Amino acid sequence: LGMILPEKLRTLFENIDGGVEVHLRAEELEPL
């Protein structure tokens, strides 16, 4: 989890900073 979670959060904030609309599906969050 320590290897995966930082990258996921970093990608999330990069998308937010870039003004990109983000669509999240519940099934994508379930493994995390």
PDB file of all heavy atoms in Angstrom:
ATOM      1  N   LEU A   1       0.836  -1.207   0.000  1.00  0.00           N
ATOM      2  CA  LEU A   1       0.000   0.000   0.000  1.00  0.00           C
ATOM      3  C   LEU A   1       0.868   1.254   0.000  1.00  0.00           C
ATOM      4  O   LEU A   1       0.566   2.245  -0.668  1.00  0.00           O
ATOM      5  CB  LEU A   1      -0.917  -0.005   1.224  1.00  0.00           C
ATOM      6  CG  LEU A   1      -1.887   1.185   1.338  1.00  0.00           C
ATOM      7  CD1 LEU A   1      -2.843   1.216   0.161  1.00  0.00           C
ATOM      8  CD2 LEU A   1      -2.647   1.125   2.647  1.00  0.00           C
ATOM      9  N   GLY A   2       1.977   1.207   0.750  1.00  0.00           N
ATOM     10  CA  GLY A   2       2.858   2.360   0.814  1.00  0.00           C
ATOM     11  C   GLY A   2       3.458   2.707  -0.540  1.00  0.00           C
ATOM     12  O   GLY A   2       3.755   3.860  -0.833  1.00  0.00           O
ATOM     13  N   MET A   3       3.614   1.703  -1.407  1.00  0.00           N
ATOM     14  CA  MET A   3       4.141   1.958  -2.736  1.00  0.00           C
ATOM     15  C   MET A   3       3.074   2.514  -3.683  1.00  0.00           C
ATOM     16  O   MET A   3       3.369   3.263  -4.605  1.00  0.00           O
ATOM     17  CB  MET A   3       4.727   0.659  -3.319  1.00  0.00           C
ATOM     18  CG  MET A   3       5.939   0.138  -2.560  1.00  0.00           C
ATOM     19  SD  MET A   3       6.433  -1.500  -3.141  1.00  0.00           S
ATOM     20  CE  MET A   3       6.946  -1.096  -4.808  1.00  0.00           C
ATOM     21  N   ILE A   4       1.833   2.131  -3.458  1.00  0.00           N
ATOM     22  CA  ILE A   4       0.752   2.482  -4.381  1.00  0.00           C
ATOM     23  C   ILE A   4       0.070   3.790  -4.012  1.00  0.00           C
ATOM     24  O   ILE A   4      -0.189   4.647  -4.866  1.00  0.00           O
ATOM     25  CB  ILE A   4      -0.285   1.343  -4.438  1.00  0.00           C
ATOM     26  CG1 ILE A   4       0.341   0.104  -5.070  1.00  0.00           C
ATOM     27  CG2 ILE A   4      -1.510   1.760  -5.242  1.00  0.00           C
ATOM     28  CD1 ILE A   4      -0.543  -1.112  -5.005  1.00  0.00           C
ATOM     29  N   LEU A   5      -0.232   3.972  -2.718  1.00  0.00           N
ATOM     30  CA  LEU A   5      -1.041   5.116  -2.300  1.00  0.00           C
ATOM     31  C   LEU A   5      -0.404   6.462  -2.653  1.00  0.00           C
ATOM     32  O   LEU A   5      -1.100   7.342  -3.181  1.00  0.00           O
ATOM     33  CB  LEU A   5      -1.311   5.018  -0.787  1.00  0.00           C
ATOM     34  CG  LEU A   5      -2.222   6.101  -0.207  1.00  0.00           C
ATOM     35  CD1 LEU A   5      -3.583   6.084  -0.891  1.00  0.00           C
ATOM     36  CD2 LEU A   5      -2.386   5.904   1.297  1.00  0.00           C
ATOM     37  N   PRO A   6       0.903   6.700  -2.410  1.00  0.00           N
ATOM     38  CA  PRO A   6       1.468   8.012  -2.761  1.00  0.00           C
ATOM     39  C   PRO A   6       1.310   8.341  -4.239  1.00  0.00           C
ATOM     40  O   PRO A   6       0.988   9.468  -4.606  1.00  0.00           O
ATOM     41  CB  PRO A   6       2.948   7.869  -2.379  1.00  0.00           C
ATOM     42  CG  PRO A   6       2.967   6.797  -1.347  1.00  0.00           C
ATOM     43  CD  PRO A   6       1.896   5.847  -1.742  1.00  0.00           C
ATOM     44  N   GLU A   7       1.551   7.344  -5.093  1.00  0.00           N
ATOM     45  CA  GLU A   7       1.432   7.585  -6.532  1.00  0.00           C
ATOM     46  C   GLU A   7       0.002   7.917  -6.915  1.00  0.00           C
ATOM     47  O   GLU A   7      -0.264   8.792  -7.728  1.00  0.00           O
ATOM     48  CB  GLU A   7       1.925   6.353  -7.293  1.00  0.00           C
ATOM     49  CG  GLU A   7       1.911   6.509  -8.814  1.00  0.00           C
ATOM     50  CD  GLU A   7       2.803   7.647  -9.288  1.00  0.00           C
ATOM     51  OE1 GLU A   7       3.824   7.930  -8.622  1.00  0.00           O
ATOM     52  OE2 GLU A   7       2.461   8.263 -10.311  1.00  0.00           O
ATOM     53  N   LYS A   8      -0.952   7.209  -6.311  1.00  0.00           N
ATOM     54  CA  LYS A   8      -2.368   7.486  -6.589  1.00  0.00           C
ATOM     55  C   LYS A   8      -2.721   8.911  -6.192  1.00  0.00           C
ATOM     56  O   LYS A   8      -3.393   9.636  -6.926  1.00  0.00           O
ATOM     57  CB  LYS A   8      -3.253   6.485  -5.831  1.00  0.00           C
ATOM     58  CG  LYS A   8      -3.128   5.045  -6.297  1.00  0.00           C
ATOM     59  CD  LYS A   8      -3.790   4.840  -7.644  1.00  0.00           C
ATOM     60  CE  LYS A   8      -3.766   3.355  -8.030  1.00  0.00           C
ATOM     61  NZ  LYS A   8      -4.344   3.139  -9.370  1.00  0.00           N
ATOM     62  N   LEU A   9      -2.298   9.313  -4.991  1.00  0.00           N
ATOM     63  CA  LEU A   9      -2.617  10.657  -4.519  1.00  0.00           C
ATOM     64  C   LEU A   9      -1.904  11.721  -5.358  1.00  0.00           C
ATOM     65  O   LEU A   9      -2.479  12.770  -5.676  1.00  0.00           O
ATOM     66  CB  LEU A   9      -2.225  10.793  -3.048  1.00  0.00           C
ATOM     67  CG  LEU A   9      -3.074   9.995  -2.060  1.00  0.00           C
ATOM     68  CD1 LEU A   9      -2.490  10.099  -0.653  1.00  0.00           C
ATOM     69  CD2 LEU A   9      -4.515  10.473  -2.060  1.00  0.00           C
ATOM     70  N   ARG A  10      -0.637  11.424  -5.741  1.00  0.00           N
ATOM     71  CA  ARG A  10       0.102  12.393  -6.559  1.00  0.00           C
ATOM     72  C   ARG A  10      -0.595  12.606  -7.900  1.00  0.00           C
ATOM     73  O   ARG A  10      -0.761  13.725  -8.376  1.00  0.00           O
ATOM     74  CB  ARG A  10       1.529  11.878  -6.776  1.00  0.00           C
ATOM     75  CG  ARG A  10       2.457  12.916  -7.407  1.00  0.00           C
ATOM     76  CD  ARG A  10       3.875  12.367  -7.532  1.00  0.00           C
ATOM     77  NE  ARG A  10       4.426  12.004  -6.226  1.00  0.00           N
ATOM     78  CZ  ARG A  10       4.712  10.771  -5.857  1.00  0.00           C
ATOM     79  NH1 ARG A  10       4.475   9.767  -6.673  1.00  0.00           N
ATOM     80  NH2 ARG A  10       5.220  10.526  -4.661  1.00  0.00           N
ATOM     81  N   THR A  11      -1.022  11.515  -8.517  1.00  0.00           N
ATOM     82  CA  THR A  11      -1.735  11.609  -9.793  1.00  0.00           C
ATOM     83  C   THR A  11      -3.018  12.396  -9.638  1.00  0.00           C
ATOM     84  O   THR A  11      -3.390  13.218 -10.480  1.00  0.00           O
ATOM     85  CB  THR A  11      -2.042  10.196 -10.322  1.00  0.00           C
ATOM     86  OG1 THR A  11      -0.821   9.488 -10.481  1.00  0.00           O
ATOM     87  CG2 THR A  11      -2.754  10.251 -11.670  1.00  0.00           C
ATOM     88  N   LEU A  12      -3.714  12.147  -8.534  1.00  0.00           N
ATOM     89  CA  LEU A  12      -4.971  12.853  -8.270  1.00  0.00           C
ATOM     90  C   LEU A  12      -4.741  14.359  -8.213  1.00  0.00           C
ATOM     91  O   LEU A  12      -5.450  15.142  -8.862  1.00  0.00           O
ATOM     92  CB  LEU A  12      -5.569  12.351  -6.947  1.00  0.00           C
ATOM     93  CG  LEU A  12      -6.782  13.117  -6.418  1.00  0.00           C
ATOM     94  CD1 LEU A  12      -7.961  12.994  -7.371  1.00  0.00           C
ATOM     95  CD2 LEU A  12      -7.167  12.595  -5.039  1.00  0.00           C
ATOM     96  N   PHE A  13      -3.707  14.785  -7.456  1.00  0.00           N
ATOM     97  CA  PHE A  13      -3.475  16.228  -7.310  1.00  0.00           C
ATOM     98  C   PHE A  13      -2.953  16.860  -8.605  1.00  0.00           C
ATOM     99  O   PHE A  13      -3.264  18.002  -8.907  1.00  0.00           O
ATOM    100  CB  PHE A  13      -2.509  16.496  -6.152  1.00  0.00           C
ATOM    101  CG  PHE A  13      -3.166  16.323  -4.824  1.00  0.00           C
ATOM    102  CD1 PHE A  13      -2.762  15.311  -3.974  1.00  0.00           C
ATOM    103  CD2 PHE A  13      -4.216  17.144  -4.431  1.00  0.00           C
ATOM    104  CE1 PHE A  13      -3.382  15.128  -2.750  1.00  0.00           C
ATOM    105  CE2 PHE A  13      -4.823  16.966  -3.209  1.00  0.00           C
ATOM    106  CZ  PHE A  13      -4.416  15.962  -2.359  1.00  0.00           C
ATOM    107  N   GLU A  14      -2.188  16.091  -9.383  1.00  0.00           N
ATOM    108  CA  GLU A  14      -1.747  16.622 -10.669  1.00  0.00           C
ATOM    109  C   GLU A  14      -2.931  16.891 -11.581  1.00  0.00           C
ATOM    110  O   GLU A  14      -2.998  17.898 -12.279  1.00  0.00           O
ATOM    111  CB  GLU A  14      -0.777  15.641 -11.334  1.00  0.00           C
ATOM    112  CG  GLU A  14       0.612  15.623 -10.699  1.00  0.00           C
ATOM    113  CD  GLU A  14       1.483  14.536 -11.277  1.00  0.00           C
ATOM    114  OE1 GLU A  14       0.975  13.783 -12.154  1.00  0.00           O
ATOM    115  OE2 GLU A  14       2.652  14.436 -10.864  1.00  0.00           O
ATOM    116  N   ASN A  15      -3.888  15.977 -11.563  1.00  0.00           N
ATOM    117  CA  ASN A  15      -5.083  16.155 -12.372  1.00  0.00           C
ATOM    118  C   ASN A  15      -5.895  17.359 -11.910  1.00  0.00           C
ATOM    119  O   ASN A  15      -6.425  18.129 -12.711  1.00  0.00           O
ATOM    120  CB  ASN A  15      -5.957  14.901 -12.328  1.00  0.00           C
ATOM    121  CG  ASN A  15      -5.388  13.772 -13.151  1.00  0.00           C
ATOM    122  OD1 ASN A  15      -4.712  14.005 -14.154  1.00  0.00           O
ATOM    123  ND2 ASN A  15      -5.657  12.544 -12.730  1.00  0.00           N
ATOM    124  N   ILE A  16      -5.975  17.521 -10.580  1.00  0.00           N
ATOM    125  CA  ILE A  16      -6.750  18.637 -10.036  1.00  0.00           C
ATOM    126  C   ILE A  16      -6.064  19.960 -10.375  1.00  0.00           C
ATOM    127  O   ILE A  16      -6.701  20.921 -10.798  1.00  0.00           O
ATOM    128  CB  ILE A  16      -6.901  18.486  -8.512  1.00  0.00           C
ATOM    129  CG1 ILE A  16      -7.790  17.278  -8.206  1.00  0.00           C
ATOM    130  CG2 ILE A  16      -7.518  19.742  -7.903  1.00  0.00           C
ATOM    131  CD1 ILE A  16      -7.818  16.889  -6.760  1.00  0.00           C
ATOM    132  N   ASP A  17      -4.726  19.985 -10.220  1.00  0.00           N
ATOM    133  CA  ASP A  17      -3.985  21.213 -10.523  1.00  0.00           C
ATOM    134  C   ASP A  17      -4.130  21.591 -11.996  1.00  0.00           C
ATOM    135  O   ASP A  17      -4.172  22.766 -12.351  1.00  0.00           O
ATOM    136  CB  ASP A  17      -2.500  21.042 -10.194  1.00  0.00           C
ATOM    137  CG  ASP A  17      -2.275  21.064  -8.683  1.00  0.00           C
ATOM    138  OD1 ASP A  17      -3.174  21.531  -7.969  1.00  0.00           O
ATOM    139  OD2 ASP A  17      -1.200  20.600  -8.238  1.00  0.00           O
ATOM    140  N   GLY A  18      -4.212  20.587 -12.851  1.00  0.00           N
ATOM    141  CA  GLY A  18      -4.300  20.870 -14.268  1.00  0.00           C
ATOM    142  C   GLY A  18      -5.696  21.216 -14.732  1.00  0.00           C
ATOM    143  O   GLY A  18      -5.921  21.456 -15.919  1.00  0.00           O
ATOM    144  N   GLY A  19      -6.617  21.228 -13.816  1.00  0.00           N
ATOM    145  CA  GLY A  19      -7.984  21.592 -14.184  1.00  0.00           C
ATOM    146  C   GLY A  19      -8.704  20.503 -14.962  1.00  0.00           C
ATOM    147  O   GLY A  19      -9.646  20.777 -15.692  1.00  0.00           O
ATOM    148  N   VAL A  20      -8.236  19.276 -14.862  1.00  0.00           N
ATOM    149  CA  VAL A  20      -8.852  18.182 -15.596  1.00  0.00           C
ATOM    150  C   VAL A  20     -10.008  17.627 -14.789  1.00  0.00           C
ATOM    151  O   VAL A  20      -9.893  17.414 -13.578  1.00  0.00           O
ATOM    152  CB  VAL A  20      -7.814  17.057 -15.864  1.00  0.00           C
ATOM    153  CG1 VAL A  20      -8.471  15.911 -16.594  1.00  0.00           C
ATOM    154  CG2 VAL A  20      -6.642  17.617 -16.662  1.00  0.00           C
ATOM    155  N   GLU A  21     -11.106  17.345 -15.484  1.00  0.00           N
ATOM    156  CA  GLU A  21     -12.266  16.743 -14.803  1.00  0.00           C
ATOM    157  C   GLU A  21     -11.960  15.275 -14.534  1.00  0.00           C
ATOM    158  O   GLU A  21     -11.516  14.541 -15.433  1.00  0.00           O
ATOM    159  CB  GLU A  21     -13.506  16.844 -15.698  1.00  0.00           C
ATOM    160  CG  GLU A  21     -14.767  16.332 -14.998  1.00  0.00           C
ATOM    161  CD  GLU A  21     -15.981  16.477 -15.893  1.00  0.00           C
ATOM    162  OE1 GLU A  21     -15.849  17.017 -17.010  1.00  0.00           O
ATOM    163  OE2 GLU A  21     -17.060  16.052 -15.459  1.00  0.00           O
ATOM    164  N   VAL A  22     -12.166  14.861 -13.318  1.00  0.00           N
ATOM    165  CA  VAL A  22     -11.824  13.490 -12.926  1.00  0.00           C
ATOM    166  C   VAL A  22     -13.090  12.699 -12.682  1.00  0.00           C
ATOM    167  O   VAL A  22     -13.975  13.148 -11.954  1.00  0.00           O
ATOM    168  CB  VAL A  22     -10.950  13.483 -11.640  1.00  0.00           C
ATOM    169  CG1 VAL A  22     -10.617  12.060 -11.247  1.00  0.00           C
ATOM    170  CG2 VAL A  22      -9.680  14.292 -11.872  1.00  0.00           C
ATOM    171  N   HIS A  23     -13.180  11.516 -13.283  1.00  0.00           N
ATOM    172  CA  HIS A  23     -14.318  10.616 -13.056  1.00  0.00           C
ATOM    173  C   HIS A  23     -13.794   9.397 -12.310  1.00  0.00           C
ATOM    174  O   HIS A  23     -12.888   8.711 -12.783  1.00  0.00           O
ATOM    175  CB  HIS A  23     -14.935  10.178 -14.382  1.00  0.00           C
ATOM    176  CG  HIS A  23     -15.497  11.338 -15.169  1.00  0.00           C
ATOM    177  ND1 HIS A  23     -16.752  11.816 -14.953  1.00  0.00           N
ATOM    178  CD2 HIS A  23     -14.940  12.105 -16.139  1.00  0.00           C
ATOM    179  CE1 HIS A  23     -16.982  12.837 -15.779  1.00  0.00           C
ATOM    180  NE2 HIS A  23     -15.889  13.032 -16.501  1.00  0.00           N
ATOM    181  N   LEU A  24     -14.350   9.130 -11.177  1.00  0.00           N
ATOM    182  CA  LEU A  24     -13.918   7.995 -10.367  1.00  0.00           C
ATOM    183  C   LEU A  24     -15.046   6.995 -10.247  1.00  0.00           C
ATOM    184  O   LEU A  24     -16.187   7.367  -9.981  1.00  0.00           O
ATOM    185  CB  LEU A  24     -13.506   8.470  -8.967  1.00  0.00           C
ATOM    186  CG  LEU A  24     -12.276   9.379  -8.926  1.00  0.00           C
ATOM    187  CD1 LEU A  24     -12.082   9.894  -7.511  1.00  0.00           C
ATOM    188  CD2 LEU A  24     -11.047   8.648  -9.394  1.00  0.00           C
ATOM    189  N   ARG A  25     -14.697   5.718 -10.452  1.00  0.00           N
ATOM    190  CA  ARG A  25     -15.694   4.663 -10.309  1.00  0.00           C
ATOM    191  C   ARG A  25     -15.401   3.886  -9.032  1.00  0.00           C
ATOM    192  O   ARG A  25     -14.241   3.668  -8.679  1.00  0.00           O
ATOM    193  CB  ARG A  25     -15.647   3.704 -11.506  1.00  0.00           C
ATOM    194  CG  ARG A  25     -16.054   4.374 -12.802  1.00  0.00           C
ATOM    195  CD  ARG A  25     -16.269   3.312 -13.878  1.00  0.00           C
ATOM    196  NE  ARG A  25     -15.048   2.560 -14.133  1.00  0.00           N
ATOM    197  CZ  ARG A  25     -14.140   2.905 -15.023  1.00  0.00           C
ATOM    198  NH1 ARG A  25     -14.281   4.003 -15.733  1.00  0.00           N
ATOM    199  NH2 ARG A  25     -13.068   2.150 -15.209  1.00  0.00           N
ATOM    200  N   ALA A  26     -16.468   3.442  -8.373  1.00  0.00           N
ATOM    201  CA  ALA A  26     -16.297   2.748  -7.089  1.00  0.00           C
ATOM    202  C   ALA A  26     -15.426   1.516  -7.237  1.00  0.00           C
ATOM    203  O   ALA A  26     -14.594   1.219  -6.386  1.00  0.00           O
ATOM    204  CB  ALA A  26     -17.669   2.355  -6.524  1.00  0.00           C
ATOM    205  N   GLU A  27     -15.576   0.802  -8.383  1.00  0.00           N
ATOM    206  CA  GLU A  27     -14.810  -0.435  -8.509  1.00  0.00           C
ATOM    207  C   GLU A  27     -13.322  -0.182  -8.616  1.00  0.00           C
ATOM    208  O   GLU A  27     -12.502  -1.047  -8.319  1.00  0.00           O
ATOM    209  CB  GLU A  27     -15.297  -1.264  -9.715  1.00  0.00           C
ATOM    210  CG  GLU A  27     -15.187  -0.552 -11.065  1.00  0.00           C
ATOM    211  CD  GLU A  27     -16.486   0.176 -11.412  1.00  0.00           C
ATOM    212  OE1 GLU A  27     -17.227   0.523 -10.484  1.00  0.00           O
ATOM    213  OE2 GLU A  27     -16.739   0.386 -12.607  1.00  0.00           O
ATOM    214  N   GLU A  28     -12.924   1.057  -9.064  1.00  0.00           N
ATOM    215  CA  GLU A  28     -11.510   1.369  -9.131  1.00  0.00           C
ATOM    216  C   GLU A  28     -10.920   1.634  -7.759  1.00  0.00           C
ATOM    217  O   GLU A  28      -9.725   1.498  -7.531  1.00  0.00           O
ATOM    218  CB  GLU A  28     -11.299   2.590 -10.028  1.00  0.00           C
ATOM    219  CG  GLU A  28     -11.647   2.324 -11.494  1.00  0.00           C
ATOM    220  CD  GLU A  28     -11.591   3.574 -12.342  1.00  0.00           C
ATOM    221  OE1 GLU A  28     -11.610   4.667 -11.749  1.00  0.00           O
ATOM    222  OE2 GLU A  28     -11.530   3.463 -13.571  1.00  0.00           O
ATOM    223  N   LEU A  29     -11.763   2.079  -6.829  1.00  0.00           N
ATOM    224  CA  LEU A  29     -11.286   2.370  -5.478  1.00  0.00           C
ATOM    225  C   LEU A  29     -11.238   1.143  -4.605  1.00  0.00           C
ATOM    226  O   LEU A  29     -10.503   1.090  -3.628  1.00  0.00           O
ATOM    227  CB  LEU A  29     -12.206   3.413  -4.819  1.00  0.00           C
ATOM    228  CG  LEU A  29     -12.239   4.797  -5.481  1.00  0.00           C
ATOM    229  CD1 LEU A  29     -13.262   5.662  -4.772  1.00  0.00           C
ATOM    230  CD2 LEU A  29     -10.874   5.442  -5.439  1.00  0.00           C
ATOM    231  N   GLU A  30     -12.027   0.096  -4.946  1.00  0.00           N
ATOM    232  CA  GLU A  30     -12.164  -1.047  -4.050  1.00  0.00           C
ATOM    233  C   GLU A  30     -10.836  -1.734  -3.753  1.00  0.00           C
ATOM    234  O   GLU A  30     -10.547  -2.076  -2.604  1.00  0.00           O
ATOM    235  CB  GLU A  30     -13.171  -2.047  -4.636  1.00  0.00           C
ATOM    236  CG  GLU A  30     -14.607  -1.572  -4.456  1.00  0.00           C
ATOM    237  CD  GLU A  30     -15.605  -2.530  -5.094  1.00  0.00           C
ATOM    238  OE1 GLU A  30     -15.169  -3.547  -5.657  1.00  0.00           O
ATOM    239  OE2 GLU A  30     -16.802  -2.252  -5.015  1.00  0.00           O
ATOM    240  N   PRO A  31      -9.957  -1.986  -4.776  1.00  0.00           N
ATOM    241  CA  PRO A  31      -8.688  -2.645  -4.423  1.00  0.00           C
ATOM    242  C   PRO A  31      -7.848  -1.831  -3.455  1.00  0.00           C
ATOM    243  O   PRO A  31      -7.231  -2.364  -2.543  1.00  0.00           O
ATOM    244  CB  PRO A  31      -7.986  -2.776  -5.795  1.00  0.00           C
ATOM    245  CG  PRO A  31      -9.094  -2.722  -6.789  1.00  0.00           C
ATOM    246  CD  PRO A  31     -10.119  -1.781  -6.214  1.00  0.00           C
ATOM    247  N   LEU A  32      -7.824  -0.490  -3.639  1.00  0.00           N
ATOM    248  CA  LEU A  32      -7.039   0.370  -2.758  1.00  0.00           C
ATOM    249  C   LEU A  32      -7.612   0.369  -1.356  1.00  0.00           C
ATOM    250  O   LEU A  32      -6.898   0.160  -0.374  1.00  0.00           O
ATOM    251  CB  LEU A  32      -7.025   1.795  -3.329  1.00  0.00           C
ATOM    252  CG  LEU A  32      -6.236   2.840  -2.536  1.00  0.00           C
ATOM    253  CD1 LEU A  32      -4.769   2.423  -2.456  1.00  0.00           C
ATOM    254  CD2 LEU A  32      -6.378   4.203  -3.192  1.00  0.00           C
TER     255      LEU A  32
END
